[in-house]
Amino acid sequence: KIGKQKRFGRSSEKMVYDEQMELCFNEAEVT
């Protein structure tokens, strides 16, 4: 799948998602 994506897919590493990303760890709550 990765080989096909690199050959035929978009080369950009940018990925857009509709909703905001949620934090994965407590330490992210830095003020």
PDB file of all heavy atoms in Angstrom:
ATOM      1  N   LYS A   1       0.825  -1.206   0.000  1.00  0.00           N
ATOM      2  CA  LYS A   1       0.000   0.000   0.000  1.00  0.00           C
ATOM      3  C   LYS A   1       0.861   1.257   0.000  1.00  0.00           C
ATOM      4  O   LYS A   1       0.580   2.219  -0.720  1.00  0.00           O
ATOM      5  CB  LYS A   1      -0.923   0.000   1.219  1.00  0.00           C
ATOM      6  CG  LYS A   1      -2.084  -0.977   1.139  1.00  0.00           C
ATOM      7  CD  LYS A   1      -2.956  -0.860   2.381  1.00  0.00           C
ATOM      8  CE  LYS A   1      -4.166  -1.786   2.301  1.00  0.00           C
ATOM      9  NZ  LYS A   1      -5.005  -1.692   3.517  1.00  0.00           N
ATOM     10  N   ILE A   2       1.910   1.230   0.828  1.00  0.00           N
ATOM     11  CA  ILE A   2       2.791   2.397   0.893  1.00  0.00           C
ATOM     12  C   ILE A   2       3.513   2.593  -0.435  1.00  0.00           C
ATOM     13  O   ILE A   2       3.664   3.721  -0.930  1.00  0.00           O
ATOM     14  CB  ILE A   2       3.802   2.234   2.049  1.00  0.00           C
ATOM     15  CG1 ILE A   2       3.071   2.326   3.387  1.00  0.00           C
ATOM     16  CG2 ILE A   2       4.904   3.287   1.970  1.00  0.00           C
ATOM     17  CD1 ILE A   2       3.939   1.994   4.583  1.00  0.00           C
ATOM     18  N   GLY A   3       3.956   1.472  -1.056  1.00  0.00           N
ATOM     19  CA  GLY A   3       4.612   1.573  -2.364  1.00  0.00           C
ATOM     20  C   GLY A   3       3.694   2.153  -3.420  1.00  0.00           C
ATOM     21  O   GLY A   3       4.093   3.003  -4.212  1.00  0.00           O
ATOM     22  N   LYS A   4       2.446   1.708  -3.438  1.00  0.00           N
ATOM     23  CA  LYS A   4       1.477   2.243  -4.406  1.00  0.00           C
ATOM     24  C   LYS A   4       1.208   3.715  -4.150  1.00  0.00           C
ATOM     25  O   LYS A   4       1.100   4.522  -5.076  1.00  0.00           O
ATOM     26  CB  LYS A   4       0.169   1.451  -4.318  1.00  0.00           C
ATOM     27  CG  LYS A   4       0.212   0.080  -4.966  1.00  0.00           C
ATOM     28  CD  LYS A   4      -1.165  -0.590  -4.914  1.00  0.00           C
ATOM     29  CE  LYS A   4      -1.144  -1.929  -5.630  1.00  0.00           C
ATOM     30  NZ  LYS A   4      -2.461  -2.604  -5.571  1.00  0.00           N
ATOM     31  N   GLN A   5       1.095   4.058  -2.858  1.00  0.00           N
ATOM     32  CA  GLN A   5       0.809   5.452  -2.535  1.00  0.00           C
ATOM     33  C   GLN A   5       1.946   6.362  -2.969  1.00  0.00           C
ATOM     34  O   GLN A   5       1.733   7.437  -3.523  1.00  0.00           O
ATOM     35  CB  GLN A   5       0.569   5.576  -1.029  1.00  0.00           C
ATOM     36  CG  GLN A   5      -0.143   6.860  -0.608  1.00  0.00           C
ATOM     37  CD  GLN A   5       0.763   8.061  -0.632  1.00  0.00           C
ATOM     38  OE1 GLN A   5       1.956   7.955  -0.357  1.00  0.00           O
ATOM     39  NE2 GLN A   5       0.223   9.208  -0.993  1.00  0.00           N
ATOM     40  N   LYS A   6       3.193   5.897  -2.741  1.00  0.00           N
ATOM     41  CA  LYS A   6       4.348   6.721  -3.121  1.00  0.00           C
ATOM     42  C   LYS A   6       4.447   6.868  -4.629  1.00  0.00           C
ATOM     43  O   LYS A   6       4.880   7.897  -5.135  1.00  0.00           O
ATOM     44  CB  LYS A   6       5.635   6.106  -2.568  1.00  0.00           C
ATOM     45  CG  LYS A   6       5.799   6.277  -1.066  1.00  0.00           C
ATOM     46  CD  LYS A   6       7.123   5.720  -0.588  1.00  0.00           C
ATOM     47  CE  LYS A   6       7.333   5.979   0.898  1.00  0.00           C
ATOM     48  NZ  LYS A   6       8.602   5.426   1.393  1.00  0.00           N
ATOM     49  N   ARG A   7       4.026   5.828  -5.347  1.00  0.00           N
ATOM     50  CA  ARG A   7       4.148   5.875  -6.802  1.00  0.00           C
ATOM     51  C   ARG A   7       2.993   6.629  -7.454  1.00  0.00           C
ATOM     52  O   ARG A   7       3.191   7.399  -8.389  1.00  0.00           O
ATOM     53  CB  ARG A   7       4.211   4.462  -7.353  1.00  0.00           C
ATOM     54  CG  ARG A   7       4.453   4.418  -8.857  1.00  0.00           C
ATOM     55  CD  ARG A   7       4.647   3.008  -9.362  1.00  0.00           C
ATOM     56  NE  ARG A   7       4.922   2.994 -10.794  1.00  0.00           N
ATOM     57  CZ  ARG A   7       5.038   1.889 -11.512  1.00  0.00           C
ATOM     58  NH1 ARG A   7       4.921   0.702 -10.933  1.00  0.00           N
ATOM     59  NH2 ARG A   7       5.295   1.956 -12.800  1.00  0.00           N
ATOM     60  N   PHE A   8       1.773   6.390  -6.950  1.00  0.00           N
ATOM     61  CA  PHE A   8       0.599   6.936  -7.619  1.00  0.00           C
ATOM     62  C   PHE A   8      -0.138   8.001  -6.802  1.00  0.00           C
ATOM     63  O   PHE A   8      -0.951   8.736  -7.341  1.00  0.00           O
ATOM     64  CB  PHE A   8      -0.391   5.812  -7.950  1.00  0.00           C
ATOM     65  CG  PHE A   8       0.191   4.726  -8.799  1.00  0.00           C
ATOM     66  CD1 PHE A   8       0.414   3.465  -8.289  1.00  0.00           C
ATOM     67  CD2 PHE A   8       0.541   4.972 -10.124  1.00  0.00           C
ATOM     68  CE1 PHE A   8       0.948   2.444  -9.077  1.00  0.00           C
ATOM     69  CE2 PHE A   8       1.082   3.971 -10.916  1.00  0.00           C
ATOM     70  CZ  PHE A   8       1.286   2.703 -10.393  1.00  0.00           C
ATOM     71  N   GLY A   9       0.129   8.072  -5.494  1.00  0.00           N
ATOM     72  CA  GLY A   9      -0.606   8.999  -4.652  1.00  0.00           C
ATOM     73  C   GLY A   9       0.026  10.363  -4.614  1.00  0.00           C
ATOM     74  O   GLY A   9       1.020  10.641  -5.274  1.00  0.00           O
ATOM     75  N   ARG A  10      -0.526  11.206  -3.775  1.00  0.00           N
ATOM     76  CA  ARG A  10       0.019  12.564  -3.626  1.00  0.00           C
ATOM     77  C   ARG A  10       1.330  12.495  -2.866  1.00  0.00           C
ATOM     78  O   ARG A  10       1.503  11.688  -1.946  1.00  0.00           O
ATOM     79  CB  ARG A  10      -0.982  13.458  -2.888  1.00  0.00           C
ATOM     80  CG  ARG A  10      -1.405  12.925  -1.532  1.00  0.00           C
ATOM     81  CD  ARG A  10      -2.547  13.776  -0.954  1.00  0.00           C
ATOM     82  NE  ARG A  10      -3.104  13.141   0.221  1.00  0.00           N
ATOM     83  CZ  ARG A  10      -2.620  13.269   1.441  1.00  0.00           C
ATOM     84  NH1 ARG A  10      -1.543  14.001   1.637  1.00  0.00           N
ATOM     85  NH2 ARG A  10      -3.173  12.669   2.461  1.00  0.00           N
ATOM     86  N   SER A  11       2.248  13.333  -3.244  1.00  0.00           N
ATOM     87  CA  SER A  11       3.563  13.317  -2.599  1.00  0.00           C
ATOM     88  C   SER A  11       3.579  14.171  -1.345  1.00  0.00           C
ATOM     89  O   SER A  11       4.433  13.997  -0.480  1.00  0.00           O
ATOM     90  CB  SER A  11       4.641  13.805  -3.568  1.00  0.00           C
ATOM     91  OG  SER A  11       4.352  15.114  -4.003  1.00  0.00           O
ATOM     92  N   SER A  12       2.643  15.111  -1.243  1.00  0.00           N
ATOM     93  CA  SER A  12       2.617  15.978  -0.076  1.00  0.00           C
ATOM     94  C   SER A  12       2.314  15.169   1.172  1.00  0.00           C
ATOM     95  O   SER A  12       1.527  14.231   1.155  1.00  0.00           O
ATOM     96  CB  SER A  12       1.547  17.066  -0.253  1.00  0.00           C
ATOM     97  OG  SER A  12       1.376  17.787   0.953  1.00  0.00           O
ATOM     98  N   GLU A  13       2.952  15.565   2.284  1.00  0.00           N
ATOM     99  CA  GLU A  13       2.683  14.903   3.555  1.00  0.00           C
ATOM    100  C   GLU A  13       1.590  15.615   4.327  1.00  0.00           C
ATOM    101  O   GLU A  13       1.267  15.251   5.448  1.00  0.00           O
ATOM    102  CB  GLU A  13       3.955  14.851   4.394  1.00  0.00           C
ATOM    103  CG  GLU A  13       5.032  13.979   3.777  1.00  0.00           C
ATOM    104  CD  GLU A  13       6.273  13.903   4.641  1.00  0.00           C
ATOM    105  OE1 GLU A  13       6.297  14.561   5.690  1.00  0.00           O
ATOM    106  OE2 GLU A  13       7.201  13.188   4.265  1.00  0.00           O
ATOM    107  N   LYS A  14       0.985  16.621   3.744  1.00  0.00           N
ATOM    108  CA  LYS A  14      -0.058  17.366   4.419  1.00  0.00           C
ATOM    109  C   LYS A  14      -1.350  16.567   4.408  1.00  0.00           C
ATOM    110  O   LYS A  14      -1.781  16.054   3.387  1.00  0.00           O
ATOM    111  CB  LYS A  14      -0.277  18.705   3.708  1.00  0.00           C
ATOM    112  CG  LYS A  14      -1.380  19.541   4.320  1.00  0.00           C
ATOM    113  CD  LYS A  14      -1.514  20.848   3.585  1.00  0.00           C
ATOM    114  CE  LYS A  14      -1.949  20.644   2.157  1.00  0.00           C
ATOM    115  NZ  LYS A  14      -2.147  21.919   1.461  1.00  0.00           N
ATOM    116  N   MET A  15      -2.006  16.461   5.544  1.00  0.00           N
ATOM    117  CA  MET A  15      -3.276  15.757   5.639  1.00  0.00           C
ATOM    118  C   MET A  15      -4.260  16.642   6.367  1.00  0.00           C
ATOM    119  O   MET A  15      -3.973  17.154   7.446  1.00  0.00           O
ATOM    120  CB  MET A  15      -3.125  14.427   6.370  1.00  0.00           C
ATOM    121  CG  MET A  15      -2.401  13.391   5.543  1.00  0.00           C
ATOM    122  SD  MET A  15      -1.790  12.070   6.547  1.00  0.00           S
ATOM    123  CE  MET A  15      -0.402  12.863   7.317  1.00  0.00           C
ATOM    124  N   VAL A  16      -5.418  16.837   5.783  1.00  0.00           N
ATOM    125  CA  VAL A  16      -6.412  17.730   6.355  1.00  0.00           C
ATOM    126  C   VAL A  16      -7.556  16.899   6.917  1.00  0.00           C
ATOM    127  O   VAL A  16      -8.083  16.017   6.263  1.00  0.00           O
ATOM    128  CB  VAL A  16      -6.947  18.707   5.292  1.00  0.00           C
ATOM    129  CG1 VAL A  16      -7.958  19.646   5.902  1.00  0.00           C
ATOM    130  CG2 VAL A  16      -5.791  19.491   4.691  1.00  0.00           C
ATOM    131  N   TYR A  17      -7.959  17.207   8.147  1.00  0.00           N
ATOM    132  CA  TYR A  17      -9.072  16.521   8.777  1.00  0.00           C
ATOM    133  C   TYR A  17     -10.121  17.547   9.183  1.00  0.00           C
ATOM    134  O   TYR A  17      -9.806  18.681   9.535  1.00  0.00           O
ATOM    135  CB  TYR A  17      -8.611  15.720   9.994  1.00  0.00           C
ATOM    136  CG  TYR A  17      -7.616  14.660   9.623  1.00  0.00           C
ATOM    137  CD1 TYR A  17      -6.257  14.842   9.838  1.00  0.00           C
ATOM    138  CD2 TYR A  17      -8.035  13.506   8.995  1.00  0.00           C
ATOM    139  CE1 TYR A  17      -5.350  13.876   9.462  1.00  0.00           C
ATOM    140  CE2 TYR A  17      -7.128  12.535   8.620  1.00  0.00           C
ATOM    141  CZ  TYR A  17      -5.794  12.719   8.857  1.00  0.00           C
ATOM    142  OH  TYR A  17      -4.888  11.778   8.478  1.00  0.00           O
ATOM    143  N   ASP A  18     -11.367  17.144   9.165  1.00  0.00           N
ATOM    144  CA  ASP A  18     -12.457  18.074   9.387  1.00  0.00           C
ATOM    145  C   ASP A  18     -12.480  18.605  10.820  1.00  0.00           C
ATOM    146  O   ASP A  18     -12.629  19.786  11.049  1.00  0.00           O
ATOM    147  CB  ASP A  18     -13.789  17.402   9.079  1.00  0.00           C
ATOM    148  CG  ASP A  18     -13.898  17.055   7.603  1.00  0.00           C
ATOM    149  OD1 ASP A  18     -13.256  17.752   6.808  1.00  0.00           O
ATOM    150  OD2 ASP A  18     -14.605  16.095   7.271  1.00  0.00           O
ATOM    151  N   GLU A  19     -12.393  17.695  11.791  1.00  0.00           N
ATOM    152  CA  GLU A  19     -12.480  18.112  13.183  1.00  0.00           C
ATOM    153  C   GLU A  19     -11.098  18.347  13.758  1.00  0.00           C
ATOM    154  O   GLU A  19     -10.102  17.907  13.217  1.00  0.00           O
ATOM    155  CB  GLU A  19     -13.209  17.055  14.023  1.00  0.00           C
ATOM    156  CG  GLU A  19     -12.417  15.767  14.229  1.00  0.00           C
ATOM    157  CD  GLU A  19     -12.364  14.909  12.986  1.00  0.00           C
ATOM    158  OE1 GLU A  19     -13.143  15.141  12.059  1.00  0.00           O
ATOM    159  OE2 GLU A  19     -11.525  14.019  12.953  1.00  0.00           O
ATOM    160  N   GLN A  20     -11.081  19.073  14.873  1.00  0.00           N
ATOM    161  CA  GLN A  20      -9.790  19.337  15.496  1.00  0.00           C
ATOM    162  C   GLN A  20      -9.191  18.059  16.039  1.00  0.00           C
ATOM    163  O   GLN A  20      -9.893  17.157  16.484  1.00  0.00           O
ATOM    164  CB  GLN A  20      -9.966  20.330  16.644  1.00  0.00           C
ATOM    165  CG  GLN A  20     -10.024  21.776  16.162  1.00  0.00           C
ATOM    166  CD  GLN A  20      -9.591  22.695  17.270  1.00  0.00           C
ATOM    167  OE1 GLN A  20      -9.686  22.362  18.429  1.00  0.00           O
ATOM    168  NE2 GLN A  20      -9.103  23.855  16.915  1.00  0.00           N
ATOM    169  N   MET A  21      -7.860  17.987  15.989  1.00  0.00           N
ATOM    170  CA  MET A  21      -7.186  16.831  16.548  1.00  0.00           C
ATOM    171  C   MET A  21      -7.282  16.868  18.071  1.00  0.00           C
ATOM    172  O   MET A  21      -7.132  17.923  18.679  1.00  0.00           O
ATOM    173  CB  MET A  21      -5.712  16.823  16.138  1.00  0.00           C
ATOM    174  CG  MET A  21      -5.519  16.536  14.683  1.00  0.00           C
ATOM    175  SD  MET A  21      -3.781  16.495  14.282  1.00  0.00           S
ATOM    176  CE  MET A  21      -3.872  15.817  12.647  1.00  0.00           C
ATOM    177  N   GLU A  22      -7.546  15.731  18.658  1.00  0.00           N
ATOM    178  CA  GLU A  22      -7.611  15.658  20.109  1.00  0.00           C
ATOM    179  C   GLU A  22      -6.238  15.320  20.665  1.00  0.00           C
ATOM    180  O   GLU A  22      -5.423  14.665  20.033  1.00  0.00           O
ATOM    181  CB  GLU A  22      -8.622  14.596  20.527  1.00  0.00           C
ATOM    182  CG  GLU A  22      -8.320  13.219  19.944  1.00  0.00           C
ATOM    183  CD  GLU A  22      -9.465  12.270  20.149  1.00  0.00           C
ATOM    184  OE1 GLU A  22     -10.419  12.651  20.825  1.00  0.00           O
ATOM    185  OE2 GLU A  22      -9.385  11.151  19.636  1.00  0.00           O
ATOM    186  N   LEU A  23      -5.981  15.768  21.872  1.00  0.00           N
ATOM    187  CA  LEU A  23      -4.683  15.524  22.489  1.00  0.00           C
ATOM    188  C   LEU A  23      -4.556  14.077  22.930  1.00  0.00           C
ATOM    189  O   LEU A  23      -5.531  13.441  23.303  1.00  0.00           O
ATOM    190  CB  LEU A  23      -4.507  16.440  23.707  1.00  0.00           C
ATOM    191  CG  LEU A  23      -4.447  17.933  23.374  1.00  0.00           C
ATOM    192  CD1 LEU A  23      -4.401  18.717  24.650  1.00  0.00           C
ATOM    193  CD2 LEU A  23      -3.251  18.231  22.508  1.00  0.00           C
ATOM    194  N   CYS A  24      -3.346  13.559  22.874  1.00  0.00           N
ATOM    195  CA  CYS A  24      -3.105  12.155  23.201  1.00  0.00           C
ATOM    196  C   CYS A  24      -2.451  11.975  24.560  1.00  0.00           C
ATOM    197  O   CYS A  24      -2.235  10.860  24.992  1.00  0.00           O
ATOM    198  CB  CYS A  24      -2.208  11.538  22.139  1.00  0.00           C
ATOM    199  SG  CYS A  24      -3.010  11.396  20.567  1.00  0.00           S
ATOM    200  N   PHE A  25      -2.103  13.073  25.220  1.00  0.00           N
ATOM    201  CA  PHE A  25      -1.383  12.892  26.473  1.00  0.00           C
ATOM    202  C   PHE A  25      -1.682  14.063  27.385  1.00  0.00           C
ATOM    203  O   PHE A  25      -1.961  15.170  26.941  1.00  0.00           O
ATOM    204  CB  PHE A  25       0.125  12.780  26.209  1.00  0.00           C
ATOM    205  CG  PHE A  25       0.622  13.753  25.197  1.00  0.00           C
ATOM    206  CD1 PHE A  25       1.080  14.987  25.582  1.00  0.00           C
ATOM    207  CD2 PHE A  25       0.607  13.434  23.850  1.00  0.00           C
ATOM    208  CE1 PHE A  25       1.525  15.883  24.643  1.00  0.00           C
ATOM    209  CE2 PHE A  25       1.049  14.331  22.915  1.00  0.00           C
ATOM    210  CZ  PHE A  25       1.510  15.556  23.306  1.00  0.00           C
ATOM    211  N   ASN A  26      -1.654  13.818  28.676  1.00  0.00           N
ATOM    212  CA  ASN A  26      -2.022  14.839  29.650  1.00  0.00           C
ATOM    213  C   ASN A  26      -1.071  16.024  29.630  1.00  0.00           C
ATOM    214  O   ASN A  26      -1.464  17.150  29.884  1.00  0.00           O
ATOM    215  CB  ASN A  26      -2.048  14.240  31.058  1.00  0.00           C
ATOM    216  CG  ASN A  26      -3.161  13.221  31.202  1.00  0.00           C
ATOM    217  OD1 ASN A  26      -4.169  13.317  30.519  1.00  0.00           O
ATOM    218  ND2 ASN A  26      -2.966  12.243  32.078  1.00  0.00           N
ATOM    219  N   GLU A  27       0.218  15.740  29.340  1.00  0.00           N
ATOM    220  CA  GLU A  27       1.200  16.827  29.388  1.00  0.00           C
ATOM    221  C   GLU A  27       0.928  17.902  28.352  1.00  0.00           C
ATOM    222  O   GLU A  27       1.516  18.965  28.394  1.00  0.00           O
ATOM    223  CB  GLU A  27       2.607  16.264  29.173  1.00  0.00           C
ATOM    224  CG  GLU A  27       3.135  15.437  30.314  1.00  0.00           C
ATOM    225  CD  GLU A  27       2.684  13.985  30.209  1.00  0.00           C
ATOM    226  OE1 GLU A  27       1.793  13.689  29.389  1.00  0.00           O
ATOM    227  OE2 GLU A  27       3.232  13.161  30.929  1.00  0.00           O
ATOM    228  N   ALA A  28       0.054  17.639  27.385  1.00  0.00           N
ATOM    229  CA  ALA A  28      -0.230  18.633  26.358  1.00  0.00           C
ATOM    230  C   ALA A  28      -0.959  19.837  26.923  1.00  0.00           C
ATOM    231  O   ALA A  28      -0.986  20.901  26.312  1.00  0.00           O
ATOM    232  CB  ALA A  28      -1.078  18.020  25.248  1.00  0.00           C
ATOM    233  N   GLU A  29      -1.565  19.693  28.116  1.00  0.00           N
ATOM    234  CA  GLU A  29      -2.342  20.783  28.677  1.00  0.00           C
ATOM    235  C   GLU A  29      -1.424  21.771  29.368  1.00  0.00           C
ATOM    236  O   GLU A  29      -1.461  21.983  30.578  1.00  0.00           O
ATOM    237  CB  GLU A  29      -3.395  20.234  29.624  1.00  0.00           C
ATOM    238  CG  GLU A  29      -4.390  19.328  28.897  1.00  0.00           C
ATOM    239  CD  GLU A  29      -5.392  18.717  29.836  1.00  0.00           C
ATOM    240  OE1 GLU A  29      -5.285  18.983  31.056  1.00  0.00           O
ATOM    241  OE2 GLU A  29      -6.258  18.003  29.371  1.00  0.00           O
ATOM    242  N   VAL A  30      -0.558  22.354  28.560  1.00  0.00           N
ATOM    243  CA  VAL A  30       0.380  23.347  29.064  1.00  0.00           C
ATOM    244  C   VAL A  30      -0.246  24.714  28.893  1.00  0.00           C
ATOM    245  O   VAL A  30      -0.831  25.008  27.857  1.00  0.00           O
ATOM    246  CB  VAL A  30       1.707  23.281  28.277  1.00  0.00           C
ATOM    247  CG1 VAL A  30       2.678  24.313  28.807  1.00  0.00           C
ATOM    248  CG2 VAL A  30       2.303  21.888  28.401  1.00  0.00           C
ATOM    249  N   THR A  31      -0.140  25.561  29.883  1.00  0.00           N
ATOM    250  CA  THR A  31      -0.740  26.883  29.777  1.00  0.00           C
ATOM    251  C   THR A  31       0.308  27.917  29.460  1.00  0.00           C
ATOM    252  O   THR A  31       1.452  27.843  29.900  1.00  0.00           O
ATOM    253  CB  THR A  31      -1.448  27.270  31.085  1.00  0.00           C
ATOM    254  OG1 THR A  31      -0.507  27.229  32.139  1.00  0.00           O
ATOM    255  CG2 THR A  31      -2.594  26.307  31.362  1.00  0.00           C
TER     256      THR A  31
END
